[in-house]
Amino acid sequence: MEVVIMIVVATPTGQIGQQVLDYIFDSNEAVRVIVRDPSRLSPRMRERVEVVQGSHDDIAVVTKAFEGADSVLWLVPPNPQAEDPMNYYLNFTQPACEAIKSQGVKRVIGVSSLGYDFGSPAGLLSPAFAMDDLIEKTGVNYRSLRMPFFMENLLHQVNAIKSQGMFYMPNAGDYKLATCATRDIADAAAKLLLDNNTWTGQDSVSVVGPDDLSPNDMARIISQVLERPIRYQQIPSKEYKATMMQYGMSEAWAQGLIDMAAAQDQGIYNNESRIAQRTPTSFIQWCEEVLKPAFQA
């Protein structure tokens, strides 16, 4: 007799969670999601999953959602208005840790970052490492998915690419970054969620795409795909921070972005990315299949 496992997905309408649901849709496993607004789920998905409505920083919500759970996908949604990113991450994760213990969750997969052993403050990456530590202290079987620069970060710059033929970041233009596509993160997460037999203990899984690219390299490839000249421009930290705050970002979150970029330029991803087994989605493939359609929309 086949045993059905219960999988819980937090942030099922987010960039990663939505793709994870697509990957596990055709499995025979039971799937439960935590979502503030169930109407944001597709009709197809609402018929497939059990919904626990609410925020996953609420102890009552996660306790209900984790009841009988075999595997949980956990990630903290970004909140650019947060006044203290570290406290935001920990305050979000603490209720989950209490529910993991009280409900006897067997396995947790967390969305984190490469660079855990960097040893220096790393802006918005440091709270993710603290999240890992907090979950591991529960004793649950845990896999921390550790990623470098998301290709999808560039989707925030589609308008600038369209109107100015440029994109902007505080990173050095010629320093190569490990990259990854969220589809490959979702694939790795889905495989771990569905594997209820072969992994135990606590460890990390690096999710690194085949390309290490500088922003200037990215601009060259984007130009090739879009068939128009696209340039990269590094923005001085003060100017970048002021711009982000003009868009409503808190000072602390904007500073976190600056400090993260500095850590990236100091090689925070390098040690783990050098030895990582590479995922399939190349940057040029991602540009053809994701960035170009967004540009043309």
C-alpha atoms as a PDB file:
ATOM      1  CA  MET A   1       0.000   0.000   0.000  1.00  0.00           C
ATOM      2  CA  GLU A   2       1.463   3.350  -1.061  1.00  0.00           C
ATOM      3  CA  VAL A   3       1.948   5.845   1.745  1.00  0.00           C
ATOM      4  CA  VAL A   4       0.907   9.413   0.918  1.00  0.00           C
ATOM      5  CA  ILE A   5       3.039  12.137   2.476  1.00  0.00           C
ATOM      6  CA  MET A   6       1.917  15.634   3.421  1.00  0.00           C
ATOM      7  CA  ILE A   7       3.909  18.470   1.862  1.00  0.00           C
ATOM      8  CA  VAL A   8       3.498  22.057   3.078  1.00  0.00           C
ATOM      9  CA  VAL A   9       4.550  24.994   0.905  1.00  0.00           C
ATOM     10  CA  ALA A  10       4.911  28.495   2.318  1.00  0.00           C
ATOM     11  CA  THR A  11       4.661  31.470  -0.088  1.00  0.00           C
ATOM     12  CA  PRO A  12       2.929  29.397  -2.808  1.00  0.00           C
ATOM     13  CA  THR A  13       2.271  32.480  -4.936  1.00  0.00           C
ATOM     14  CA  GLY A  14       5.886  33.677  -4.831  1.00  0.00           C
ATOM     15  CA  GLN A  15       8.498  33.282  -7.524  1.00  0.00           C
ATOM     16  CA  ILE A  16       9.891  30.036  -6.114  1.00  0.00           C
ATOM     17  CA  GLY A  17       6.876  28.580  -4.326  1.00  0.00           C
ATOM     18  CA  GLN A  18       4.655  28.849  -7.394  1.00  0.00           C
ATOM     19  CA  GLN A  19       7.140  26.888  -9.476  1.00  0.00           C
ATOM     20  CA  VAL A  20       7.543  24.277  -6.747  1.00  0.00           C
ATOM     21  CA  LEU A  21       3.780  23.684  -6.833  1.00  0.00           C
ATOM     22  CA  ASP A  22       3.952  23.226 -10.587  1.00  0.00           C
ATOM     23  CA  TYR A  23       6.708  20.626 -10.174  1.00  0.00           C
ATOM     24  CA  ILE A  24       4.807  18.599  -7.568  1.00  0.00           C
ATOM     25  CA  PHE A  25       1.324  19.086  -9.059  1.00  0.00           C
ATOM     26  CA  ASP A  26       1.180  15.660 -10.713  1.00  0.00           C
ATOM     27  CA  SER A  27       2.537  13.749  -7.724  1.00  0.00           C
ATOM     28  CA  ASN A  28       0.268  11.575  -5.609  1.00  0.00           C
ATOM     29  CA  GLU A  29       1.257  13.389  -2.430  1.00  0.00           C
ATOM     30  CA  ALA A  30      -1.038  15.575  -0.337  1.00  0.00           C
ATOM     31  CA  VAL A  31      -0.157  19.273  -0.652  1.00  0.00           C
ATOM     32  CA  ARG A  32      -1.054  22.054   1.763  1.00  0.00           C
ATOM     33  CA  VAL A  33      -0.225  25.731   1.279  1.00  0.00           C
ATOM     34  CA  ILE A  34      -0.091  28.783   3.532  1.00  0.00           C
ATOM     35  CA  VAL A  35      -1.392  31.843   1.726  1.00  0.00           C
ATOM     36  CA  ARG A  36      -2.828  35.206   2.765  1.00  0.00           C
ATOM     37  CA  ASP A  37      -5.072  35.530  -0.283  1.00  0.00           C
ATOM     38  CA  PRO A  38      -6.228  32.192  -1.767  1.00  0.00           C
ATOM     39  CA  SER A  39      -7.594  34.003  -4.838  1.00  0.00           C
ATOM     40  CA  ARG A  40      -3.989  34.493  -5.972  1.00  0.00           C
ATOM     41  CA  LEU A  41      -3.745  30.743  -6.525  1.00  0.00           C
ATOM     42  CA  SER A  42      -4.797  29.570  -9.971  1.00  0.00           C
ATOM     43  CA  PRO A  43      -8.168  27.757 -10.134  1.00  0.00           C
ATOM     44  CA  ARG A  44      -6.259  24.629 -11.147  1.00  0.00           C
ATOM     45  CA  MET A  45      -4.098  24.883  -8.042  1.00  0.00           C
ATOM     46  CA  ARG A  46      -6.991  25.675  -5.677  1.00  0.00           C
ATOM     47  CA  GLU A  47      -8.585  22.376  -6.707  1.00  0.00           C
ATOM     48  CA  ARG A  48      -5.329  20.509  -6.053  1.00  0.00           C
ATOM     49  CA  VAL A  49      -4.169  21.825  -2.670  1.00  0.00           C
ATOM     50  CA  GLU A  50      -5.459  22.245   0.855  1.00  0.00           C
ATOM     51  CA  VAL A  51      -5.338  25.916   1.863  1.00  0.00           C
ATOM     52  CA  VAL A  52      -4.470  27.338   5.258  1.00  0.00           C
ATOM     53  CA  GLN A  53      -5.217  31.042   5.025  1.00  0.00           C
ATOM     54  CA  GLY A  54      -3.035  33.553   6.821  1.00  0.00           C
ATOM     55  CA  SER A  55       0.556  34.651   7.239  1.00  0.00           C
ATOM     56  CA  HIS A  56       3.280  32.166   8.019  1.00  0.00           C
ATOM     57  CA  ASP A  57       4.706  34.426  10.731  1.00  0.00           C
ATOM     58  CA  ASP A  58       1.574  33.647  12.788  1.00  0.00           C
ATOM     59  CA  ILE A  59       2.029  30.813  15.295  1.00  0.00           C
ATOM     60  CA  ALA A  60      -1.615  29.746  15.013  1.00  0.00           C
ATOM     61  CA  VAL A  61      -1.385  29.587  11.220  1.00  0.00           C
ATOM     62  CA  VAL A  62       1.847  27.590  11.031  1.00  0.00           C
ATOM     63  CA  THR A  63       0.751  25.264  13.823  1.00  0.00           C
ATOM     64  CA  LYS A  64      -2.387  24.426  11.856  1.00  0.00           C
ATOM     65  CA  ALA A  65      -0.468  24.148   8.577  1.00  0.00           C
ATOM     66  CA  PHE A  66       2.269  21.895   9.991  1.00  0.00           C
ATOM     67  CA  GLU A  67      -0.111  19.389  11.596  1.00  0.00           C
ATOM     68  CA  GLY A  68       0.781  15.977  10.182  1.00  0.00           C
ATOM     69  CA  ALA A  69       3.379  17.491   7.834  1.00  0.00           C
ATOM     70  CA  ASP A  70       6.133  15.259   6.503  1.00  0.00           C
ATOM     71  CA  SER A  71       7.992  17.937   4.511  1.00  0.00           C
ATOM     72  CA  VAL A  72       7.875  21.740   4.602  1.00  0.00           C
ATOM     73  CA  LEU A  73       9.266  24.273   2.147  1.00  0.00           C
ATOM     74  CA  TRP A  74      10.184  27.338   4.196  1.00  0.00           C
ATOM     75  CA  LEU A  75      11.232  30.754   3.004  1.00  0.00           C
ATOM     76  CA  VAL A  76      10.902  34.260   4.343  1.00  0.00           C
ATOM     77  CA  PRO A  77       9.239  36.621   1.842  1.00  0.00           C
ATOM     78  CA  PRO A  78      11.143  39.857   1.258  1.00  0.00           C
ATOM     79  CA  ASN A  79       9.796  42.951   2.953  1.00  0.00           C
ATOM     80  CA  PRO A  80      11.634  46.060   1.691  1.00  0.00           C
ATOM     81  CA  GLN A  81       9.816  48.174   4.281  1.00  0.00           C
ATOM     82  CA  ALA A  82      11.228  46.199   7.220  1.00  0.00           C
ATOM     83  CA  GLU A  83      13.114  48.482   9.594  1.00  0.00           C
ATOM     84  CA  ASP A  84      15.377  45.681  10.875  1.00  0.00           C
ATOM     85  CA  PRO A  85      15.994  42.877   8.346  1.00  0.00           C
ATOM     86  CA  MET A  86      17.604  40.540  10.893  1.00  0.00           C
ATOM     87  CA  ASN A  87      14.722  40.823  13.357  1.00  0.00           C
ATOM     88  CA  TYR A  88      12.262  40.512  10.490  1.00  0.00           C
ATOM     89  CA  TYR A  89      13.772  37.170   9.394  1.00  0.00           C
ATOM     90  CA  LEU A  90      14.029  35.801  12.919  1.00  0.00           C
ATOM     91  CA  ASN A  91      10.577  36.992  14.005  1.00  0.00           C
ATOM     92  CA  PHE A  92       9.146  35.347  10.885  1.00  0.00           C
ATOM     93  CA  THR A  93      10.966  32.072  11.484  1.00  0.00           C
ATOM     94  CA  GLN A  94      10.556  31.675  15.245  1.00  0.00           C
ATOM     95  CA  PRO A  95       6.854  30.689  15.084  1.00  0.00           C
ATOM     96  CA  ALA A  96       7.727  28.132  12.404  1.00  0.00           C
ATOM     97  CA  CYS A  97      10.397  26.633  14.646  1.00  0.00           C
ATOM     98  CA  GLU A  98       7.900  26.317  17.503  1.00  0.00           C
ATOM     99  CA  ALA A  99       5.417  24.622  15.163  1.00  0.00           C
ATOM    100  CA  ILE A 100       8.095  22.336  13.699  1.00  0.00           C
ATOM    101  CA  LYS A 101       8.733  20.999  17.205  1.00  0.00           C
ATOM    102  CA  SER A 102       5.137  20.895  18.462  1.00  0.00           C
ATOM    103  CA  GLN A 103       3.777  19.235  15.317  1.00  0.00           C
ATOM    104  CA  GLY A 104       6.651  16.795  14.776  1.00  0.00           C
ATOM    105  CA  VAL A 105       7.536  17.947  11.260  1.00  0.00           C
ATOM    106  CA  LYS A 106       9.963  15.434   9.769  1.00  0.00           C
ATOM    107  CA  ARG A 107      11.800  17.443   7.126  1.00  0.00           C
ATOM    108  CA  VAL A 108      12.285  21.116   6.266  1.00  0.00           C
ATOM    109  CA  ILE A 109      13.801  22.652   3.142  1.00  0.00           C
ATOM    110  CA  GLY A 110      14.818  26.296   3.582  1.00  0.00           C
ATOM    111  CA  VAL A 111      15.634  28.896   0.927  1.00  0.00           C
ATOM    112  CA  SER A 112      18.892  30.558   1.948  1.00  0.00           C
ATOM    113  CA  SER A 113      22.102  31.743   0.235  1.00  0.00           C
ATOM    114  CA  LEU A 114      25.611  30.692  -0.623  1.00  0.00           C
ATOM    115  CA  GLY A 115      28.283  32.151   1.636  1.00  0.00           C
ATOM    116  CA  TYR A 116      27.335  30.854   5.082  1.00  0.00           C
ATOM    117  CA  ASP A 117      31.016  30.585   6.062  1.00  0.00           C
ATOM    118  CA  PHE A 118      31.954  34.013   4.668  1.00  0.00           C
ATOM    119  CA  GLY A 119      32.646  35.278   8.166  1.00  0.00           C
ATOM    120  CA  SER A 120      31.703  38.924   7.639  1.00  0.00           C
ATOM    121  CA  PRO A 121      28.452  40.882   7.609  1.00  0.00           C
ATOM    122  CA  ALA A 122      26.759  40.270   4.280  1.00  0.00           C
ATOM    123  CA  GLY A 123      23.793  42.612   4.228  1.00  0.00           C
ATOM    124  CA  LEU A 124      20.524  40.879   3.388  1.00  0.00           C
ATOM    125  CA  LEU A 125      22.281  37.510   3.189  1.00  0.00           C
ATOM    126  CA  SER A 126      23.175  37.489   6.890  1.00  0.00           C
ATOM    127  CA  PRO A 127      19.532  37.160   8.067  1.00  0.00           C
ATOM    128  CA  ALA A 128      19.150  34.095   5.815  1.00  0.00           C
ATOM    129  CA  PHE A 129      22.117  32.469   7.551  1.00  0.00           C
ATOM    130  CA  ALA A 130      20.575  33.288  10.934  1.00  0.00           C
ATOM    131  CA  MET A 131      17.346  31.672   9.713  1.00  0.00           C
ATOM    132  CA  ASP A 132      19.289  28.484   8.930  1.00  0.00           C
ATOM    133  CA  ASP A 133      20.758  28.449  12.434  1.00  0.00           C
ATOM    134  CA  LEU A 134      17.366  28.928  14.058  1.00  0.00           C
ATOM    135  CA  ILE A 135      15.772  26.068  12.128  1.00  0.00           C
ATOM    136  CA  GLU A 136      18.703  23.731  12.741  1.00  0.00           C
ATOM    137  CA  LYS A 137      18.399  24.290  16.500  1.00  0.00           C
ATOM    138  CA  THR A 138      15.003  22.546  16.398  1.00  0.00           C
ATOM    139  CA  GLY A 139      16.815  19.320  15.490  1.00  0.00           C
ATOM    140  CA  VAL A 140      14.610  18.740  12.435  1.00  0.00           C
ATOM    141  CA  ASN A 141      16.036  17.062   9.346  1.00  0.00           C
ATOM    142  CA  TYR A 142      17.009  20.119   7.315  1.00  0.00           C
ATOM    143  CA  ARG A 143      18.373  21.042   3.921  1.00  0.00           C
ATOM    144  CA  SER A 144      19.391  24.637   3.350  1.00  0.00           C
ATOM    145  CA  LEU A 145      19.157  25.501  -0.342  1.00  0.00           C
ATOM    146  CA  ARG A 146      22.019  27.895  -0.969  1.00  0.00           C
ATOM    147  CA  MET A 147      21.953  30.130  -4.014  1.00  0.00           C
ATOM    148  CA  PRO A 148      24.004  32.924  -5.572  1.00  0.00           C
ATOM    149  CA  PHE A 149      22.747  35.857  -7.685  1.00  0.00           C
ATOM    150  CA  PHE A 150      19.218  35.241  -8.977  1.00  0.00           C
ATOM    151  CA  MET A 151      18.851  35.830 -12.710  1.00  0.00           C
ATOM    152  CA  GLU A 152      15.309  36.970 -11.904  1.00  0.00           C
ATOM    153  CA  ASN A 153      16.739  40.031 -10.144  1.00  0.00           C
ATOM    154  CA  LEU A 154      17.072  41.531 -13.610  1.00  0.00           C
ATOM    155  CA  LEU A 155      13.311  41.432 -14.144  1.00  0.00           C
ATOM    156  CA  HIS A 156      13.082  44.442 -11.830  1.00  0.00           C
ATOM    157  CA  GLN A 157      15.038  46.358 -14.460  1.00  0.00           C
ATOM    158  CA  VAL A 158      12.983  45.558 -17.545  1.00  0.00           C
ATOM    159  CA  ASN A 159      11.664  49.124 -17.770  1.00  0.00           C
ATOM    160  CA  ALA A 160      15.170  50.604 -17.613  1.00  0.00           C
ATOM    161  CA  ILE A 161      16.378  48.121 -20.215  1.00  0.00           C
ATOM    162  CA  LYS A 162      13.460  49.104 -22.463  1.00  0.00           C
ATOM    163  CA  SER A 163      13.620  52.858 -22.039  1.00  0.00           C
ATOM    164  CA  GLN A 164      17.334  53.476 -21.492  1.00  0.00           C
ATOM    165  CA  GLY A 165      19.086  50.412 -22.870  1.00  0.00           C
ATOM    166  CA  MET A 166      20.746  50.004 -19.473  1.00  0.00           C
ATOM    167  CA  PHE A 167      20.489  48.264 -16.137  1.00  0.00           C
ATOM    168  CA  TYR A 168      21.960  49.326 -12.815  1.00  0.00           C
ATOM    169  CA  MET A 169      23.311  47.775  -9.620  1.00  0.00           C
ATOM    170  CA  PRO A 170      25.860  48.737  -6.968  1.00  0.00           C
ATOM    171  CA  ASN A 171      28.061  45.765  -7.956  1.00  0.00           C
ATOM    172  CA  ALA A 172      31.387  46.160  -9.743  1.00  0.00           C
ATOM    173  CA  GLY A 173      30.878  45.801 -13.471  1.00  0.00           C
ATOM    174  CA  ASP A 174      33.743  43.390 -14.077  1.00  0.00           C
ATOM    175  CA  TYR A 175      33.482  41.066 -11.041  1.00  0.00           C
ATOM    176  CA  LYS A 176      32.059  37.654 -11.943  1.00  0.00           C
ATOM    177  CA  LEU A 177      29.129  36.345  -9.908  1.00  0.00           C
ATOM    178  CA  ALA A 178      27.779  32.835  -9.720  1.00  0.00           C
ATOM    179  CA  THR A 179      24.187  32.898 -10.996  1.00  0.00           C
ATOM    180  CA  CYS A 180      21.076  30.731 -10.869  1.00  0.00           C
ATOM    181  CA  ALA A 181      17.531  30.627 -12.215  1.00  0.00           C
ATOM    182  CA  THR A 182      14.596  30.230  -9.838  1.00  0.00           C
ATOM    183  CA  ARG A 183      13.274  27.333 -11.931  1.00  0.00           C
ATOM    184  CA  ASP A 184      16.325  25.316 -10.869  1.00  0.00           C
ATOM    185  CA  ILE A 185      15.850  26.302  -7.221  1.00  0.00           C
ATOM    186  CA  ALA A 186      12.236  25.116  -7.439  1.00  0.00           C
ATOM    187  CA  ASP A 187      13.317  21.872  -9.072  1.00  0.00           C
ATOM    188  CA  ALA A 188      15.822  21.154  -6.293  1.00  0.00           C
ATOM    189  CA  ALA A 189      13.243  21.994  -3.629  1.00  0.00           C
ATOM    190  CA  ALA A 190      10.558  19.814  -5.231  1.00  0.00           C
ATOM    191  CA  LYS A 191      12.869  16.790  -5.421  1.00  0.00           C
ATOM    192  CA  LEU A 192      13.700  17.115  -1.725  1.00  0.00           C
ATOM    193  CA  LEU A 193      10.049  17.574  -0.773  1.00  0.00           C
ATOM    194  CA  LEU A 194       9.022  14.458  -2.668  1.00  0.00           C
ATOM    195  CA  ASP A 195      11.915  12.344  -1.333  1.00  0.00           C
ATOM    196  CA  ASN A 196      10.583  11.067   1.971  1.00  0.00           C
ATOM    197  CA  ASN A 197      13.015   8.203   2.395  1.00  0.00           C
ATOM    198  CA  THR A 198      16.641   8.893   1.568  1.00  0.00           C
ATOM    199  CA  TRP A 199      17.725  12.044   3.390  1.00  0.00           C
ATOM    200  CA  THR A 200      18.102  12.797   7.056  1.00  0.00           C
ATOM    201  CA  GLY A 201      20.265  15.042   9.215  1.00  0.00           C
ATOM    202  CA  GLN A 202      21.203  18.625   8.497  1.00  0.00           C
ATOM    203  CA  ASP A 203      23.139  19.800   5.465  1.00  0.00           C
ATOM    204  CA  SER A 204      23.150  22.312   2.627  1.00  0.00           C
ATOM    205  CA  VAL A 205      22.489  21.954  -1.093  1.00  0.00           C
ATOM    206  CA  SER A 206      24.132  24.453  -3.437  1.00  0.00           C
ATOM    207  CA  VAL A 207      22.002  25.524  -6.408  1.00  0.00           C
ATOM    208  CA  VAL A 208      24.367  27.169  -8.891  1.00  0.00           C
ATOM    209  CA  GLY A 209      23.813  27.684 -12.601  1.00  0.00           C
ATOM    210  CA  PRO A 210      26.411  26.945 -15.281  1.00  0.00           C
ATOM    211  CA  ASP A 211      27.508  30.569 -15.761  1.00  0.00           C
ATOM    212  CA  ASP A 212      29.699  32.817 -13.629  1.00  0.00           C
ATOM    213  CA  LEU A 213      29.143  36.266 -15.104  1.00  0.00           C
ATOM    214  CA  SER A 214      30.020  39.858 -14.371  1.00  0.00           C
ATOM    215  CA  PRO A 215      27.299  42.470 -14.880  1.00  0.00           C
ATOM    216  CA  ASN A 216      29.191  43.514 -18.022  1.00  0.00           C
ATOM    217  CA  ASP A 217      29.010  39.902 -19.247  1.00  0.00           C
ATOM    218  CA  MET A 218      25.275  39.895 -18.551  1.00  0.00           C
ATOM    219  CA  ALA A 219      24.842  43.083 -20.547  1.00  0.00           C
ATOM    220  CA  ARG A 220      26.636  41.547 -23.507  1.00  0.00           C
ATOM    221  CA  ILE A 221      24.424  38.448 -23.467  1.00  0.00           C
ATOM    222  CA  ILE A 222      21.240  40.495 -23.004  1.00  0.00           C
ATOM    223  CA  SER A 223      22.280  42.607 -25.998  1.00  0.00           C
ATOM    224  CA  GLN A 224      22.709  39.451 -28.057  1.00  0.00           C
ATOM    225  CA  VAL A 225      19.300  38.063 -27.074  1.00  0.00           C
ATOM    226  CA  LEU A 226      17.360  41.324 -27.438  1.00  0.00           C
ATOM    227  CA  GLU A 227      19.291  42.291 -30.578  1.00  0.00           C
ATOM    228  CA  ARG A 228      19.956  45.810 -29.320  1.00  0.00           C
ATOM    229  CA  PRO A 229      22.798  47.354 -27.322  1.00  0.00           C
ATOM    230  CA  ILE A 230      22.334  47.054 -23.561  1.00  0.00           C
ATOM    231  CA  ARG A 231      24.883  48.444 -21.106  1.00  0.00           C
ATOM    232  CA  TYR A 232      25.507  47.994 -17.426  1.00  0.00           C
ATOM    233  CA  GLN A 233      26.226  50.905 -15.116  1.00  0.00           C
ATOM    234  CA  GLN A 234      27.463  50.592 -11.557  1.00  0.00           C
ATOM    235  CA  ILE A 235      25.674  53.033  -9.257  1.00  0.00           C
ATOM    236  CA  PRO A 236      27.623  54.510  -6.315  1.00  0.00           C
ATOM    237  CA  SER A 237      26.371  53.118  -3.027  1.00  0.00           C
ATOM    238  CA  LYS A 238      25.033  56.409  -1.659  1.00  0.00           C
ATOM    239  CA  GLU A 239      23.112  57.142  -4.846  1.00  0.00           C
ATOM    240  CA  TYR A 240      21.739  53.597  -5.062  1.00  0.00           C
ATOM    241  CA  LYS A 241      20.601  53.699  -1.432  1.00  0.00           C
ATOM    242  CA  ALA A 242      18.903  57.077  -1.884  1.00  0.00           C
ATOM    243  CA  THR A 243      17.120  55.848  -5.001  1.00  0.00           C
ATOM    244  CA  MET A 244      15.830  52.724  -3.269  1.00  0.00           C
ATOM    245  CA  MET A 245      14.554  54.798  -0.361  1.00  0.00           C
ATOM    246  CA  GLN A 246      12.748  57.109  -2.792  1.00  0.00           C
ATOM    247  CA  TYR A 247      10.874  54.019  -3.977  1.00  0.00           C
ATOM    248  CA  GLY A 248       9.704  53.343  -0.412  1.00  0.00           C
ATOM    249  CA  MET A 249      12.405  50.977   0.819  1.00  0.00           C
ATOM    250  CA  SER A 250      13.456  51.323   4.451  1.00  0.00           C
ATOM    251  CA  GLU A 251      16.934  52.692   5.112  1.00  0.00           C
ATOM    252  CA  ALA A 252      17.968  49.418   6.757  1.00  0.00           C
ATOM    253  CA  TRP A 253      16.786  47.278   3.820  1.00  0.00           C
ATOM    254  CA  ALA A 254      18.486  49.584   1.304  1.00  0.00           C
ATOM    255  CA  GLN A 255      21.708  49.421   3.317  1.00  0.00           C
ATOM    256  CA  GLY A 256      21.312  45.645   3.351  1.00  0.00           C
ATOM    257  CA  LEU A 257      21.315  45.642  -0.446  1.00  0.00           C
ATOM    258  CA  ILE A 258      24.476  47.759  -0.488  1.00  0.00           C
ATOM    259  CA  ASP A 259      26.228  45.489   2.010  1.00  0.00           C
ATOM    260  CA  MET A 260      25.117  42.394   0.114  1.00  0.00           C
ATOM    261  CA  ALA A 261      26.577  43.771  -3.129  1.00  0.00           C
ATOM    262  CA  ALA A 262      29.844  44.515  -1.301  1.00  0.00           C
ATOM    263  CA  ALA A 263      29.969  40.927  -0.022  1.00  0.00           C
ATOM    264  CA  GLN A 264      29.307  39.652  -3.546  1.00  0.00           C
ATOM    265  CA  ASP A 265      32.193  41.745  -4.856  1.00  0.00           C
ATOM    266  CA  GLN A 266      34.373  40.279  -2.092  1.00  0.00           C
ATOM    267  CA  GLY A 267      33.646  36.736  -3.292  1.00  0.00           C
ATOM    268  CA  ILE A 268      31.052  35.532  -0.795  1.00  0.00           C
ATOM    269  CA  TYR A 269      29.789  32.922  -3.272  1.00  0.00           C
ATOM    270  CA  ASN A 270      33.146  31.707  -4.532  1.00  0.00           C
ATOM    271  CA  ASN A 271      34.142  28.861  -2.213  1.00  0.00           C
ATOM    272  CA  GLU A 272      30.862  26.995  -2.481  1.00  0.00           C
ATOM    273  CA  SER A 273      30.195  27.753  -6.145  1.00  0.00           C
ATOM    274  CA  ARG A 274      33.595  26.353  -7.202  1.00  0.00           C
ATOM    275  CA  ILE A 275      32.689  22.890  -5.946  1.00  0.00           C
ATOM    276  CA  ALA A 276      28.938  22.940  -6.630  1.00  0.00           C
ATOM    277  CA  GLN A 277      27.323  20.608  -9.118  1.00  0.00           C
ATOM    278  CA  ARG A 278      25.920  23.017 -11.697  1.00  0.00           C
ATOM    279  CA  THR A 279      22.221  23.238 -12.545  1.00  0.00           C
ATOM    280  CA  PRO A 280      21.050  23.235 -16.178  1.00  0.00           C
ATOM    281  CA  THR A 281      19.622  26.696 -16.920  1.00  0.00           C
ATOM    282  CA  SER A 282      22.213  28.937 -18.588  1.00  0.00           C
ATOM    283  CA  PHE A 283      21.947  32.706 -18.521  1.00  0.00           C
ATOM    284  CA  ILE A 284      21.406  32.943 -22.276  1.00  0.00           C
ATOM    285  CA  GLN A 285      18.624  30.347 -22.068  1.00  0.00           C
ATOM    286  CA  TRP A 286      16.999  32.277 -19.225  1.00  0.00           C
ATOM    287  CA  CYS A 287      17.230  35.506 -21.229  1.00  0.00           C
ATOM    288  CA  GLU A 288      15.564  33.839 -24.224  1.00  0.00           C
ATOM    289  CA  GLU A 289      12.795  32.177 -22.222  1.00  0.00           C
ATOM    290  CA  VAL A 290      12.114  34.664 -19.406  1.00  0.00           C
ATOM    291  CA  LEU A 291      13.713  38.069 -19.886  1.00  0.00           C
ATOM    292  CA  LYS A 292      12.901  38.474 -23.594  1.00  0.00           C
ATOM    293  CA  PRO A 293       9.156  37.746 -23.175  1.00  0.00           C
ATOM    294  CA  ALA A 294       9.041  40.180 -20.237  1.00  0.00           C
ATOM    295  CA  PHE A 295      10.815  42.783 -22.367  1.00  0.00           C
ATOM    296  CA  GLN A 296       8.354  42.270 -25.213  1.00  0.00           C
ATOM    297  CA  ALA A 297       5.232  42.347 -23.010  1.00  0.00           C
END
